[in-house]
Amino acid sequence: MNLLLKNKKGLRSLIILFVLLMVSSHYINAQVDSATVVIKKDVDKSVVIKPHSPHKASLYSAVLPGLGQAYNKKYWKIPILYAGFAGIIYAIDFNSSNYSKYRRGYRDYLLQDPNNTSYVKVFQKLIDNKRLTIEEIEPGGSRSDWVRTTLENGKDYYERWRNLSYVGFALVYIINIVDATVDAHFKTFDVSDDLSMRIDPVVQPGIGGNSVGLQLRLTF
């Protein structure tokens, strides 16, 4: 009888121990599953985050100036960029227009064709202000040498500045791409506290004795 009671008590203890093990195992599995869900969520979030690409920034700026700056979220640079383009375009138009006027006037002056007197337009303001007359500026007139030199110099002057304006346009376009690329690189540049630089004294052993110097230590 005592043996039976002892066996029942032992069996009851085993059942209680088994139940406790099952409950604790279920609790542990639940904790692991929740941790796995968190990890999966974190992994999914890291996958969704898109890296900032300097290649895209430069490509966008090459296709449409200012688009790379918008990609970098440097919106304040876009008005400055387009103001630069507007100034260069105005310079191109101004110098091109004057170059055409002086070139055409110089050509007609050398041809001395009575039906083509476009050079008169170059000196129209001086004529209107009574500082010159048409007879003076005509080929063979008293101011003919000065008129020819003025037309030639004006043609060369505006041609040079027209060409420089085109160069300026190309430079602004290139600066637009470089600026977008550099900004995109700085977007992913590590500026955390893990980066540090230290300059420490160092003693170097040598043949004639020790030498004292400085060493540069970079920590990443």
N, C-alpha and C. Protein backbone atom coordinates (compact mmCIF):
# COMPACT_ATOMS: atom_id res chain seq x y z
N MET A 1 0.83 -1.21 0.00
CA MET A 1 0.00 0.00 0.00
C MET A 1 0.86 1.25 0.00
N ASN A 2 1.87 1.23 0.88
CA ASN A 2 2.78 2.39 0.93
C ASN A 2 3.52 2.56 -0.38
N LEU A 3 3.89 1.42 -0.98
CA LEU A 3 4.59 1.48 -2.27
C LEU A 3 3.71 2.09 -3.34
N LEU A 4 2.40 1.78 -3.30
CA LEU A 4 1.46 2.32 -4.28
C LEU A 4 1.32 3.83 -4.12
N LEU A 5 1.24 4.26 -2.80
CA LEU A 5 1.13 5.70 -2.55
C LEU A 5 2.37 6.42 -3.03
N LYS A 6 3.49 5.79 -2.73
CA LYS A 6 4.75 6.41 -3.18
C LYS A 6 4.80 6.51 -4.70
N ASN A 7 4.32 5.47 -5.40
CA ASN A 7 4.33 5.51 -6.87
C ASN A 7 3.39 6.58 -7.41
N LYS A 8 2.22 6.73 -6.72
CA LYS A 8 1.26 7.76 -7.16
C LYS A 8 1.84 9.15 -6.99
N LYS A 9 2.52 9.35 -5.82
CA LYS A 9 3.14 10.66 -5.58
C LYS A 9 4.24 10.93 -6.61
N GLY A 10 5.02 9.90 -6.93
CA GLY A 10 6.08 10.08 -7.93
C GLY A 10 5.51 10.37 -9.30
N LEU A 11 4.41 9.65 -9.64
CA LEU A 11 3.76 9.87 -10.93
C LEU A 11 3.19 11.28 -11.01
N ARG A 12 2.58 11.73 -9.87
CA ARG A 12 2.04 13.09 -9.86
C ARG A 12 3.15 14.11 -10.04
N SER A 13 4.27 13.88 -9.40
CA SER A 13 5.40 14.81 -9.54
C SER A 13 5.91 14.85 -10.97
N LEU A 14 5.95 13.69 -11.60
CA LEU A 14 6.39 13.63 -12.99
C LEU A 14 5.44 14.39 -13.90
N ILE A 15 4.09 14.22 -13.61
CA ILE A 15 3.10 14.91 -14.46
C ILE A 15 3.24 16.42 -14.30
N ILE A 16 3.41 16.87 -13.03
CA ILE A 16 3.55 18.31 -12.79
C ILE A 16 4.81 18.83 -13.47
N LEU A 17 5.90 18.07 -13.36
CA LEU A 17 7.16 18.49 -14.00
C LEU A 17 7.02 18.55 -15.51
N PHE A 18 6.29 17.58 -16.08
CA PHE A 18 6.09 17.56 -17.53
C PHE A 18 5.27 18.77 -17.99
N VAL A 19 4.22 19.08 -17.21
CA VAL A 19 3.38 20.24 -17.54
C VAL A 19 4.20 21.53 -17.48
N LEU A 20 5.02 21.64 -16.42
CA LEU A 20 5.87 22.84 -16.31
C LEU A 20 6.84 22.95 -17.47
N LEU A 21 7.41 21.84 -17.87
CA LEU A 21 8.34 21.85 -19.01
C LEU A 21 7.61 22.25 -20.29
N MET A 22 6.39 21.76 -20.47
CA MET A 22 5.63 22.11 -21.67
C MET A 22 5.29 23.60 -21.69
N VAL A 23 4.89 24.13 -20.52
CA VAL A 23 4.54 25.54 -20.45
C VAL A 23 5.75 26.42 -20.70
N SER A 24 6.88 26.06 -20.07
CA SER A 24 8.09 26.86 -20.26
C SER A 24 8.59 26.76 -21.69
N SER A 25 8.47 25.56 -22.30
CA SER A 25 8.90 25.42 -23.69
C SER A 25 8.03 26.27 -24.62
N HIS A 26 6.72 26.29 -24.34
CA HIS A 26 5.82 27.10 -25.15
C HIS A 26 6.15 28.59 -25.01
N TYR A 27 6.47 28.98 -23.76
CA TYR A 27 6.80 30.40 -23.51
C TYR A 27 8.10 30.80 -24.23
N ILE A 28 9.08 29.90 -24.17
CA ILE A 28 10.36 30.16 -24.84
C ILE A 28 10.17 30.25 -26.34
N ASN A 29 9.36 29.33 -26.90
CA ASN A 29 9.11 29.36 -28.34
C ASN A 29 8.39 30.63 -28.75
N ALA A 30 7.47 31.08 -27.88
CA ALA A 30 6.75 32.32 -28.20
C ALA A 30 7.71 33.50 -28.21
N GLN A 31 8.64 33.53 -27.24
CA GLN A 31 9.62 34.61 -27.21
C GLN A 31 10.52 34.58 -28.44
N VAL A 32 10.95 33.38 -28.84
CA VAL A 32 11.80 33.25 -30.02
C VAL A 32 11.06 33.69 -31.27
N ASP A 33 9.76 33.30 -31.37
CA ASP A 33 8.97 33.70 -32.54
C ASP A 33 8.81 35.20 -32.60
N SER A 34 8.53 35.84 -31.45
CA SER A 34 8.39 37.29 -31.45
C SER A 34 9.69 37.97 -31.82
N ALA A 35 10.82 37.44 -31.32
CA ALA A 35 12.12 38.00 -31.68
C ALA A 35 12.39 37.83 -33.17
N THR A 36 11.97 36.68 -33.70
CA THR A 36 12.16 36.45 -35.13
C THR A 36 11.34 37.43 -35.95
N VAL A 37 10.11 37.72 -35.49
CA VAL A 37 9.28 38.68 -36.20
C VAL A 37 9.92 40.05 -36.18
N VAL A 38 10.48 40.43 -35.04
CA VAL A 38 11.14 41.74 -34.95
C VAL A 38 12.33 41.79 -35.89
N ILE A 39 13.10 40.70 -35.90
CA ILE A 39 14.27 40.65 -36.78
C ILE A 39 13.83 40.73 -38.23
N LYS A 40 12.76 40.00 -38.58
CA LYS A 40 12.28 40.05 -39.95
C LYS A 40 11.81 41.44 -40.33
N LYS A 41 11.14 42.10 -39.35
CA LYS A 41 10.70 43.46 -39.62
C LYS A 41 11.89 44.37 -39.85
N ASP A 42 12.93 44.21 -39.00
CA ASP A 42 14.12 45.04 -39.17
C ASP A 42 14.80 44.76 -40.50
N VAL A 43 14.84 43.48 -40.89
CA VAL A 43 15.46 43.13 -42.16
C VAL A 43 14.67 43.72 -43.31
N ASP A 44 13.32 43.62 -43.19
CA ASP A 44 12.49 44.18 -44.25
C ASP A 44 12.70 45.69 -44.36
N LYS A 45 12.80 46.36 -43.20
CA LYS A 45 13.01 47.80 -43.24
C LYS A 45 14.34 48.14 -43.88
N SER A 46 15.38 47.37 -43.55
CA SER A 46 16.69 47.66 -44.13
C SER A 46 16.70 47.41 -45.63
N VAL A 47 15.86 46.48 -46.08
CA VAL A 47 15.80 46.22 -47.52
C VAL A 47 15.09 47.36 -48.23
N VAL A 48 14.06 47.93 -47.55
CA VAL A 48 13.28 48.98 -48.19
C VAL A 48 14.10 50.26 -48.37
N ILE A 49 15.02 50.53 -47.40
CA ILE A 49 15.83 51.74 -47.47
C ILE A 49 16.73 51.70 -48.70
N LYS A 50 16.61 52.70 -49.54
CA LYS A 50 17.40 52.76 -50.76
C LYS A 50 18.66 53.60 -50.53
N PRO A 51 19.81 53.11 -50.92
CA PRO A 51 21.03 53.90 -50.74
C PRO A 51 21.05 55.12 -51.64
N HIS A 52 21.67 56.19 -51.15
CA HIS A 52 21.78 57.42 -51.93
C HIS A 52 22.91 57.24 -52.94
N SER A 53 22.58 57.34 -54.22
CA SER A 53 23.52 57.01 -55.28
C SER A 53 24.12 58.26 -55.91
N PRO A 54 25.45 58.47 -55.81
CA PRO A 54 26.08 59.58 -56.53
C PRO A 54 25.95 59.44 -58.04
N HIS A 55 25.91 58.19 -58.52
CA HIS A 55 25.76 57.96 -59.96
C HIS A 55 24.41 58.50 -60.44
N LYS A 56 23.35 58.24 -59.68
CA LYS A 56 22.04 58.75 -60.06
C LYS A 56 22.01 60.27 -60.03
N ALA A 57 22.64 60.86 -59.00
CA ALA A 57 22.65 62.32 -58.89
C ALA A 57 23.32 62.96 -60.09
N SER A 58 24.47 62.40 -60.50
CA SER A 58 25.18 62.96 -61.65
C SER A 58 24.41 62.73 -62.94
N LEU A 59 23.76 61.57 -63.06
CA LEU A 59 22.97 61.28 -64.27
C LEU A 59 21.76 62.21 -64.36
N TYR A 60 21.09 62.42 -63.25
CA TYR A 60 19.93 63.32 -63.25
C TYR A 60 20.33 64.74 -63.63
N SER A 61 21.46 65.21 -63.10
CA SER A 61 21.91 66.57 -63.41
C SER A 61 22.36 66.69 -64.86
N ALA A 62 22.88 65.60 -65.41
CA ALA A 62 23.29 65.62 -66.82
C ALA A 62 22.07 65.68 -67.74
N VAL A 63 21.01 64.97 -67.37
CA VAL A 63 19.79 64.97 -68.19
C VAL A 63 19.06 66.30 -68.07
N LEU A 64 18.90 66.78 -66.83
CA LEU A 64 18.20 68.05 -66.59
C LEU A 64 18.91 68.77 -65.44
N PRO A 65 19.61 69.86 -65.73
CA PRO A 65 20.30 70.60 -64.66
C PRO A 65 19.34 70.97 -63.53
N GLY A 66 19.78 70.70 -62.31
CA GLY A 66 18.96 70.97 -61.13
C GLY A 66 18.25 69.74 -60.61
N LEU A 67 18.08 68.72 -61.46
CA LEU A 67 17.38 67.51 -61.02
C LEU A 67 18.23 66.73 -60.01
N GLY A 68 19.54 66.74 -60.20
CA GLY A 68 20.42 66.09 -59.22
C GLY A 68 20.38 66.78 -57.87
N GLN A 69 20.30 68.12 -57.87
CA GLN A 69 20.18 68.86 -56.62
C GLN A 69 18.86 68.53 -55.92
N ALA A 70 17.80 68.37 -56.70
CA ALA A 70 16.51 67.97 -56.12
C ALA A 70 16.60 66.56 -55.54
N TYR A 71 17.33 65.66 -56.21
CA TYR A 71 17.52 64.30 -55.70
C TYR A 71 18.28 64.32 -54.38
N ASN A 72 19.22 65.26 -54.24
CA ASN A 72 19.98 65.41 -52.99
C ASN A 72 19.24 66.23 -51.94
N LYS A 73 18.04 66.72 -52.30
CA LYS A 73 17.23 67.57 -51.42
C LYS A 73 17.94 68.89 -51.10
N LYS A 74 18.75 69.37 -52.02
CA LYS A 74 19.36 70.70 -51.90
C LYS A 74 18.60 71.65 -52.82
N TYR A 75 17.35 71.87 -52.46
CA TYR A 75 16.46 72.64 -53.34
C TYR A 75 16.89 74.10 -53.47
N TRP A 76 17.56 74.64 -52.44
CA TRP A 76 17.94 76.05 -52.47
C TRP A 76 18.98 76.34 -53.55
N LYS A 77 19.67 75.30 -54.03
CA LYS A 77 20.68 75.52 -55.07
C LYS A 77 20.07 75.67 -56.47
N ILE A 78 18.86 75.18 -56.65
CA ILE A 78 18.25 75.18 -57.98
C ILE A 78 18.02 76.59 -58.51
N PRO A 79 17.46 77.54 -57.73
CA PRO A 79 17.31 78.90 -58.25
C PRO A 79 18.64 79.56 -58.59
N ILE A 80 19.68 79.30 -57.78
CA ILE A 80 21.00 79.87 -58.06
C ILE A 80 21.54 79.31 -59.37
N LEU A 81 21.36 78.01 -59.55
CA LEU A 81 21.84 77.36 -60.78
C LEU A 81 21.15 77.94 -62.01
N TYR A 82 19.84 78.10 -61.96
CA TYR A 82 19.13 78.60 -63.12
C TYR A 82 19.34 80.10 -63.33
N ALA A 83 19.64 80.81 -62.25
CA ALA A 83 20.02 82.22 -62.42
C ALA A 83 21.34 82.32 -63.18
N GLY A 84 22.27 81.41 -62.87
CA GLY A 84 23.53 81.37 -63.62
C GLY A 84 23.31 81.05 -65.08
N PHE A 85 22.45 80.07 -65.35
CA PHE A 85 22.15 79.74 -66.75
C PHE A 85 21.47 80.90 -67.47
N ALA A 86 20.57 81.59 -66.76
CA ALA A 86 19.87 82.71 -67.39
C ALA A 86 20.84 83.83 -67.75
N GLY A 87 21.79 84.11 -66.84
CA GLY A 87 22.79 85.14 -67.13
C GLY A 87 23.67 84.78 -68.31
N ILE A 88 24.08 83.50 -68.37
CA ILE A 88 24.93 83.06 -69.49
C ILE A 88 24.16 83.11 -70.80
N ILE A 89 22.90 82.68 -70.78
CA ILE A 89 22.09 82.71 -72.01
C ILE A 89 21.89 84.14 -72.50
N TYR A 90 21.68 85.07 -71.56
CA TYR A 90 21.55 86.47 -71.95
C TYR A 90 22.85 86.97 -72.58
N ALA A 91 24.01 86.60 -72.00
CA ALA A 91 25.29 87.01 -72.55
C ALA A 91 25.50 86.43 -73.95
N ILE A 92 25.09 85.18 -74.15
CA ILE A 92 25.22 84.57 -75.48
C ILE A 92 24.38 85.32 -76.50
N ASP A 93 23.14 85.62 -76.12
CA ASP A 93 22.24 86.32 -77.04
C ASP A 93 22.75 87.74 -77.35
N PHE A 94 23.20 88.45 -76.32
CA PHE A 94 23.67 89.82 -76.51
C PHE A 94 24.91 89.87 -77.40
N ASN A 95 25.89 89.02 -77.11
CA ASN A 95 27.13 89.03 -77.89
C ASN A 95 26.92 88.47 -79.29
N SER A 96 26.06 87.49 -79.45
CA SER A 96 25.78 86.94 -80.77
C SER A 96 25.08 87.98 -81.66
N SER A 97 24.12 88.71 -81.08
CA SER A 97 23.40 89.73 -81.83
C SER A 97 24.34 90.84 -82.31
N ASN A 98 25.19 91.32 -81.40
CA ASN A 98 26.12 92.38 -81.78
C ASN A 98 27.20 91.89 -82.74
N TYR A 99 27.62 90.64 -82.56
CA TYR A 99 28.61 90.09 -83.50
C TYR A 99 28.03 90.04 -84.91
N SER A 100 26.78 89.58 -85.03
CA SER A 100 26.15 89.51 -86.35
C SER A 100 26.02 90.91 -86.97
N LYS A 101 25.67 91.89 -86.13
CA LYS A 101 25.51 93.25 -86.65
C LYS A 101 26.83 93.83 -87.15
N TYR A 102 27.89 93.66 -86.36
CA TYR A 102 29.19 94.20 -86.78
C TYR A 102 29.79 93.40 -87.93
N ARG A 103 29.59 92.10 -87.95
CA ARG A 103 30.13 91.29 -89.05
C ARG A 103 29.46 91.65 -90.37
N ARG A 104 28.13 91.77 -90.33
CA ARG A 104 27.40 92.14 -91.54
C ARG A 104 27.77 93.56 -92.00
N GLY A 105 27.90 94.48 -91.04
CA GLY A 105 28.27 95.84 -91.39
C GLY A 105 29.68 95.92 -91.97
N TYR A 106 30.61 95.15 -91.39
CA TYR A 106 31.99 95.13 -91.89
C TYR A 106 32.05 94.54 -93.29
N ARG A 107 31.30 93.48 -93.52
CA ARG A 107 31.27 92.86 -94.85
C ARG A 107 30.72 93.83 -95.89
N ASP A 108 29.59 94.47 -95.56
CA ASP A 108 28.98 95.40 -96.52
C ASP A 108 29.88 96.62 -96.75
N TYR A 109 30.60 97.03 -95.72
CA TYR A 109 31.47 98.19 -95.89
C TYR A 109 32.63 97.88 -96.83
N LEU A 110 33.15 96.64 -96.74
CA LEU A 110 34.24 96.26 -97.62
C LEU A 110 33.73 96.06 -99.06
N LEU A 111 32.51 95.56 -99.22
CA LEU A 111 31.96 95.34 -100.56
C LEU A 111 31.60 96.66 -101.26
N GLN A 112 31.29 97.67 -100.48
CA GLN A 112 30.93 98.99 -101.01
C GLN A 112 29.76 98.91 -102.00
N ASP A 113 28.76 98.10 -101.60
CA ASP A 113 27.55 97.98 -102.42
C ASP A 113 26.55 99.02 -101.93
N PRO A 114 26.11 99.94 -102.78
CA PRO A 114 25.17 100.99 -102.36
C PRO A 114 23.85 100.43 -101.86
N ASN A 115 23.49 99.23 -102.30
CA ASN A 115 22.23 98.64 -101.87
C ASN A 115 22.32 97.95 -100.51
N ASN A 116 23.51 97.75 -100.00
CA ASN A 116 23.71 97.10 -98.70
C ASN A 116 24.50 98.04 -97.79
N THR A 117 23.79 98.78 -96.99
CA THR A 117 24.42 99.75 -96.09
C THR A 117 24.07 99.43 -94.63
N SER A 118 24.22 98.14 -94.26
CA SER A 118 23.89 97.73 -92.90
C SER A 118 24.81 98.37 -91.86
N TYR A 119 25.99 98.84 -92.28
CA TYR A 119 26.92 99.48 -91.35
C TYR A 119 26.36 100.77 -90.77
N VAL A 120 25.42 101.37 -91.47
CA VAL A 120 24.83 102.61 -90.97
C VAL A 120 24.12 102.37 -89.63
N LYS A 121 23.52 101.18 -89.47
CA LYS A 121 22.82 100.87 -88.22
C LYS A 121 23.77 100.86 -87.03
N VAL A 122 25.03 100.49 -87.26
CA VAL A 122 26.00 100.46 -86.17
C VAL A 122 26.23 101.86 -85.61
N PHE A 123 26.22 102.84 -86.47
CA PHE A 123 26.50 104.22 -86.06
C PHE A 123 25.23 105.08 -86.02
N GLN A 124 24.07 104.43 -85.96
CA GLN A 124 22.82 105.17 -86.03
C GLN A 124 22.65 106.16 -84.88
N LYS A 125 23.06 105.77 -83.68
CA LYS A 125 22.91 106.68 -82.54
C LYS A 125 23.80 107.92 -82.70
N LEU A 126 25.01 107.72 -83.20
CA LEU A 126 25.90 108.86 -83.42
C LEU A 126 25.34 109.79 -84.51
N ILE A 127 24.72 109.18 -85.51
CA ILE A 127 24.12 109.99 -86.58
C ILE A 127 22.92 110.77 -86.04
N ASP A 128 22.10 110.11 -85.21
CA ASP A 128 20.93 110.78 -84.66
C ASP A 128 21.33 111.93 -83.73
N ASN A 129 22.46 111.77 -83.04
CA ASN A 129 22.93 112.82 -82.14
C ASN A 129 23.79 113.88 -82.86
N LYS A 130 23.81 113.82 -84.18
CA LYS A 130 24.53 114.80 -84.99
C LYS A 130 26.04 114.80 -84.75
N ARG A 131 26.56 113.68 -84.28
CA ARG A 131 28.00 113.58 -84.08
C ARG A 131 28.70 113.02 -85.31
N LEU A 132 27.94 112.38 -86.16
CA LEU A 132 28.44 111.87 -87.44
C LEU A 132 27.39 112.11 -88.51
N THR A 133 27.86 112.12 -89.75
CA THR A 133 26.94 112.20 -90.89
C THR A 133 27.16 110.97 -91.76
N ILE A 134 26.15 110.67 -92.56
CA ILE A 134 26.25 109.50 -93.44
C ILE A 134 27.37 109.70 -94.46
N GLU A 135 27.55 110.92 -94.91
CA GLU A 135 28.62 111.20 -95.88
C GLU A 135 29.99 110.92 -95.28
N GLU A 136 30.17 111.17 -93.97
CA GLU A 136 31.46 110.93 -93.33
C GLU A 136 31.79 109.45 -93.18
N ILE A 137 30.77 108.64 -92.95
CA ILE A 137 31.03 107.22 -92.70
C ILE A 137 30.97 106.38 -93.96
N GLU A 138 30.52 106.93 -95.05
CA GLU A 138 30.47 106.16 -96.29
C GLU A 138 31.90 105.83 -96.76
N PRO A 139 32.05 104.71 -97.53
CA PRO A 139 33.38 104.39 -98.07
C PRO A 139 33.93 105.57 -98.88
N GLY A 140 35.14 105.97 -98.57
CA GLY A 140 35.76 107.11 -99.22
C GLY A 140 35.49 108.42 -98.51
N GLY A 141 34.68 108.38 -97.43
CA GLY A 141 34.40 109.59 -96.67
C GLY A 141 35.55 109.95 -95.76
N SER A 142 35.39 111.09 -95.07
CA SER A 142 36.48 111.59 -94.22
C SER A 142 36.74 110.68 -93.01
N ARG A 143 35.76 109.90 -92.62
CA ARG A 143 35.94 109.00 -91.45
C ARG A 143 35.94 107.53 -91.86
N SER A 144 36.21 107.27 -93.11
CA SER A 144 36.09 105.90 -93.62
C SER A 144 37.08 104.94 -92.94
N ASP A 145 38.31 105.36 -92.71
CA ASP A 145 39.30 104.48 -92.06
C ASP A 145 38.88 104.15 -90.63
N TRP A 146 38.42 105.17 -89.94
CA TRP A 146 37.97 104.94 -88.55
C TRP A 146 36.75 104.02 -88.53
N VAL A 147 35.82 104.19 -89.47
CA VAL A 147 34.63 103.35 -89.53
C VAL A 147 35.02 101.91 -89.79
N ARG A 148 35.91 101.66 -90.74
CA ARG A 148 36.33 100.29 -91.06
C ARG A 148 37.01 99.64 -89.85
N THR A 149 37.89 100.38 -89.18
CA THR A 149 38.58 99.83 -88.00
C THR A 149 37.59 99.54 -86.87
N THR A 150 36.63 100.43 -86.68
CA THR A 150 35.62 100.24 -85.63
C THR A 150 34.77 99.01 -85.91
N LEU A 151 34.37 98.84 -87.15
CA LEU A 151 33.57 97.67 -87.52
C LEU A 151 34.36 96.37 -87.34
N GLU A 152 35.61 96.36 -87.71
CA GLU A 152 36.44 95.16 -87.58
C GLU A 152 36.69 94.83 -86.11
N ASN A 153 37.04 95.84 -85.32
CA ASN A 153 37.29 95.61 -83.90
C ASN A 153 36.03 95.15 -83.16
N GLY A 154 34.90 95.77 -83.52
CA GLY A 154 33.64 95.36 -82.90
C GLY A 154 33.29 93.93 -83.24
N LYS A 155 33.50 93.55 -84.48
CA LYS A 155 33.23 92.16 -84.90
C LYS A 155 34.09 91.18 -84.10
N ASP A 156 35.38 91.46 -83.98
CA ASP A 156 36.28 90.57 -83.24
C ASP A 156 35.95 90.54 -81.75
N TYR A 157 35.61 91.71 -81.20
CA TYR A 157 35.30 91.80 -79.78
C TYR A 157 34.08 90.95 -79.41
N TYR A 158 32.99 91.14 -80.13
CA TYR A 158 31.77 90.40 -79.80
C TYR A 158 31.87 88.92 -80.16
N GLU A 159 32.68 88.59 -81.15
CA GLU A 159 32.91 87.17 -81.45
C GLU A 159 33.63 86.49 -80.30
N ARG A 160 34.64 87.18 -79.76
CA ARG A 160 35.39 86.60 -78.64
C ARG A 160 34.50 86.40 -77.41
N TRP A 161 33.70 87.41 -77.08
CA TRP A 161 32.84 87.29 -75.92
C TRP A 161 31.68 86.33 -76.15
N ARG A 162 31.24 86.17 -77.38
CA ARG A 162 30.23 85.16 -77.67
C ARG A 162 30.78 83.76 -77.41
N ASN A 163 32.02 83.52 -77.88
CA ASN A 163 32.65 82.22 -77.66
C ASN A 163 32.89 81.96 -76.17
N LEU A 164 33.31 83.00 -75.45
CA LEU A 164 33.52 82.85 -74.00
C LEU A 164 32.20 82.58 -73.28
N SER A 165 31.13 83.14 -73.79
CA SER A 165 29.81 82.89 -73.19
C SER A 165 29.41 81.42 -73.36
N TYR A 166 29.72 80.86 -74.51
CA TYR A 166 29.45 79.43 -74.71
C TYR A 166 30.30 78.58 -73.76
N VAL A 167 31.55 78.99 -73.57
CA VAL A 167 32.41 78.27 -72.62
C VAL A 167 31.84 78.37 -71.21
N GLY A 168 31.34 79.57 -70.86
CA GLY A 168 30.73 79.75 -69.55
C GLY A 168 29.50 78.88 -69.35
N PHE A 169 28.71 78.72 -70.40
CA PHE A 169 27.53 77.85 -70.33
C PHE A 169 27.96 76.41 -70.06
N ALA A 170 29.00 75.96 -70.76
CA ALA A 170 29.50 74.59 -70.56
C ALA A 170 30.03 74.41 -69.14
N LEU A 171 30.71 75.44 -68.61
CA LEU A 171 31.26 75.35 -67.26
C LEU A 171 30.15 75.26 -66.21
N VAL A 172 29.11 76.07 -66.38
CA VAL A 172 27.99 76.02 -65.44
C VAL A 172 27.32 74.65 -65.49
N TYR A 173 27.21 74.08 -66.68
CA TYR A 173 26.60 72.76 -66.84
C TYR A 173 27.46 71.69 -66.13
N ILE A 174 28.78 71.78 -66.29
CA ILE A 174 29.67 70.81 -65.65
C ILE A 174 29.66 70.99 -64.13
N ILE A 175 29.67 72.25 -63.67
CA ILE A 175 29.63 72.51 -62.23
C ILE A 175 28.34 71.95 -61.63
N ASN A 176 27.25 72.05 -62.38
CA ASN A 176 25.98 71.49 -61.92
C ASN A 176 26.09 69.99 -61.68
N ILE A 177 26.76 69.26 -62.57
CA ILE A 177 26.92 67.80 -62.40
C ILE A 177 27.87 67.49 -61.25
N VAL A 178 29.00 68.20 -61.19
CA VAL A 178 29.98 67.95 -60.13
C VAL A 178 29.38 68.24 -58.76
N ASP A 179 28.65 69.34 -58.65
CA ASP A 179 28.03 69.70 -57.37
C ASP A 179 27.06 68.63 -56.91
N ALA A 180 26.23 68.12 -57.81
CA ALA A 180 25.27 67.08 -57.44
C ALA A 180 25.99 65.80 -57.03
N THR A 181 27.07 65.45 -57.73
CA THR A 181 27.81 64.23 -57.40
C THR A 181 28.49 64.34 -56.04
N VAL A 182 29.13 65.47 -55.76
CA VAL A 182 29.81 65.66 -54.48
C VAL A 182 28.81 65.66 -53.33
N ASP A 183 27.69 66.33 -53.51
CA ASP A 183 26.66 66.34 -52.46
C ASP A 183 26.14 64.94 -52.19
N ALA A 184 25.98 64.15 -53.23
CA ALA A 184 25.50 62.77 -53.06
C ALA A 184 26.52 61.93 -52.31
N HIS A 185 27.81 62.15 -52.56
CA HIS A 185 28.85 61.43 -51.83
C HIS A 185 28.82 61.80 -50.35
N PHE A 186 28.61 63.06 -50.04
CA PHE A 186 28.57 63.49 -48.65
C PHE A 186 27.32 62.99 -47.93
N LYS A 187 26.28 62.64 -48.68
CA LYS A 187 25.08 62.07 -48.06
C LYS A 187 25.39 60.77 -47.34
N THR A 188 26.30 59.96 -47.89
CA THR A 188 26.64 58.66 -47.32
C THR A 188 28.00 58.68 -46.63
N PHE A 189 28.58 59.88 -46.44
CA PHE A 189 29.89 59.98 -45.81
C PHE A 189 29.73 59.78 -44.31
N ASP A 190 30.55 58.90 -43.72
CA ASP A 190 30.47 58.56 -42.30
C ASP A 190 31.11 59.66 -41.47
N VAL A 191 30.27 60.34 -40.67
CA VAL A 191 30.78 61.38 -39.78
C VAL A 191 30.47 61.03 -38.33
N SER A 192 30.40 59.74 -38.03
CA SER A 192 30.07 59.30 -36.68
C SER A 192 31.26 59.49 -35.75
N ASP A 193 31.02 59.19 -34.45
CA ASP A 193 32.08 59.34 -33.45
C ASP A 193 33.16 58.27 -33.58
N ASP A 194 32.89 57.25 -34.41
CA ASP A 194 33.91 56.20 -34.59
C ASP A 194 35.10 56.70 -35.39
N LEU A 195 34.92 57.82 -36.09
CA LEU A 195 36.02 58.40 -36.85
C LEU A 195 36.78 59.37 -35.99
N SER A 196 38.05 59.20 -35.88
CA SER A 196 38.86 60.11 -35.08
C SER A 196 40.29 60.13 -35.63
N MET A 197 40.99 61.19 -35.32
CA MET A 197 42.38 61.34 -35.73
C MET A 197 43.18 61.84 -34.54
N ARG A 198 44.28 61.19 -34.26
CA ARG A 198 45.13 61.59 -33.14
C ARG A 198 46.57 61.71 -33.61
N ILE A 199 47.24 62.70 -33.07
CA ILE A 199 48.67 62.88 -33.32
C ILE A 199 49.39 62.66 -32.01
N ASP A 200 50.20 61.60 -31.93
CA ASP A 200 50.89 61.23 -30.69
C ASP A 200 52.40 61.25 -30.91
N PRO A 201 53.14 61.56 -29.83
CA PRO A 201 54.61 61.44 -29.93
C PRO A 201 55.01 59.97 -29.98
N VAL A 202 56.08 59.69 -30.68
CA VAL A 202 56.56 58.32 -30.79
C VAL A 202 58.09 58.32 -30.75
N VAL A 203 58.64 57.28 -30.15
CA VAL A 203 60.10 57.11 -30.06
C VAL A 203 60.49 55.95 -30.96
N GLN A 204 61.35 56.22 -31.94
CA GLN A 204 61.80 55.21 -32.88
C GLN A 204 63.24 54.83 -32.57
N PRO A 205 63.49 53.52 -32.32
CA PRO A 205 64.89 53.10 -32.09
C PRO A 205 65.68 53.13 -33.39
N GLY A 206 66.90 53.56 -33.33
CA GLY A 206 67.76 53.63 -34.50
C GLY A 206 69.17 53.15 -34.20
N ILE A 207 70.01 53.18 -35.22
CA ILE A 207 71.38 52.70 -35.04
C ILE A 207 72.16 53.63 -34.11
N GLY A 208 72.03 54.91 -34.33
CA GLY A 208 72.77 55.86 -33.50
C GLY A 208 72.06 56.23 -32.23
N GLY A 209 70.90 55.64 -31.96
CA GLY A 209 70.13 55.97 -30.77
C GLY A 209 68.66 56.15 -31.12
N ASN A 210 67.89 56.51 -30.13
CA ASN A 210 66.47 56.70 -30.35
C ASN A 210 66.19 58.08 -30.95
N SER A 211 65.14 58.14 -31.77
CA SER A 211 64.72 59.40 -32.36
C SER A 211 63.25 59.64 -31.99
N VAL A 212 62.94 60.89 -31.74
CA VAL A 212 61.60 61.25 -31.31
C VAL A 212 60.88 61.89 -32.50
N GLY A 213 59.61 61.50 -32.70
CA GLY A 213 58.83 62.04 -33.80
C GLY A 213 57.35 62.05 -33.45
N LEU A 214 56.54 62.24 -34.46
CA LEU A 214 55.10 62.27 -34.29
C LEU A 214 54.47 61.21 -35.20
N GLN A 215 53.39 60.62 -34.74
CA GLN A 215 52.66 59.67 -35.57
C GLN A 215 51.19 60.08 -35.67
N LEU A 216 50.64 59.87 -36.84
CA LEU A 216 49.24 60.20 -37.12
C LEU A 216 48.44 58.90 -37.04
N ARG A 217 47.44 58.89 -36.17
CA ARG A 217 46.65 57.67 -35.96
C ARG A 217 45.20 57.95 -36.34
N LEU A 218 44.70 57.16 -37.29
CA LEU A 218 43.31 57.28 -37.73
C LEU A 218 42.53 56.10 -37.19
N THR A 219 41.38 56.38 -36.60
CA THR A 219 40.52 55.33 -36.05
C THR A 219 39.21 55.32 -36.80
N PHE A 220 38.84 54.14 -37.30
CA PHE A 220 37.58 53.99 -38.05
C PHE A 220 36.59 53.18 -37.25
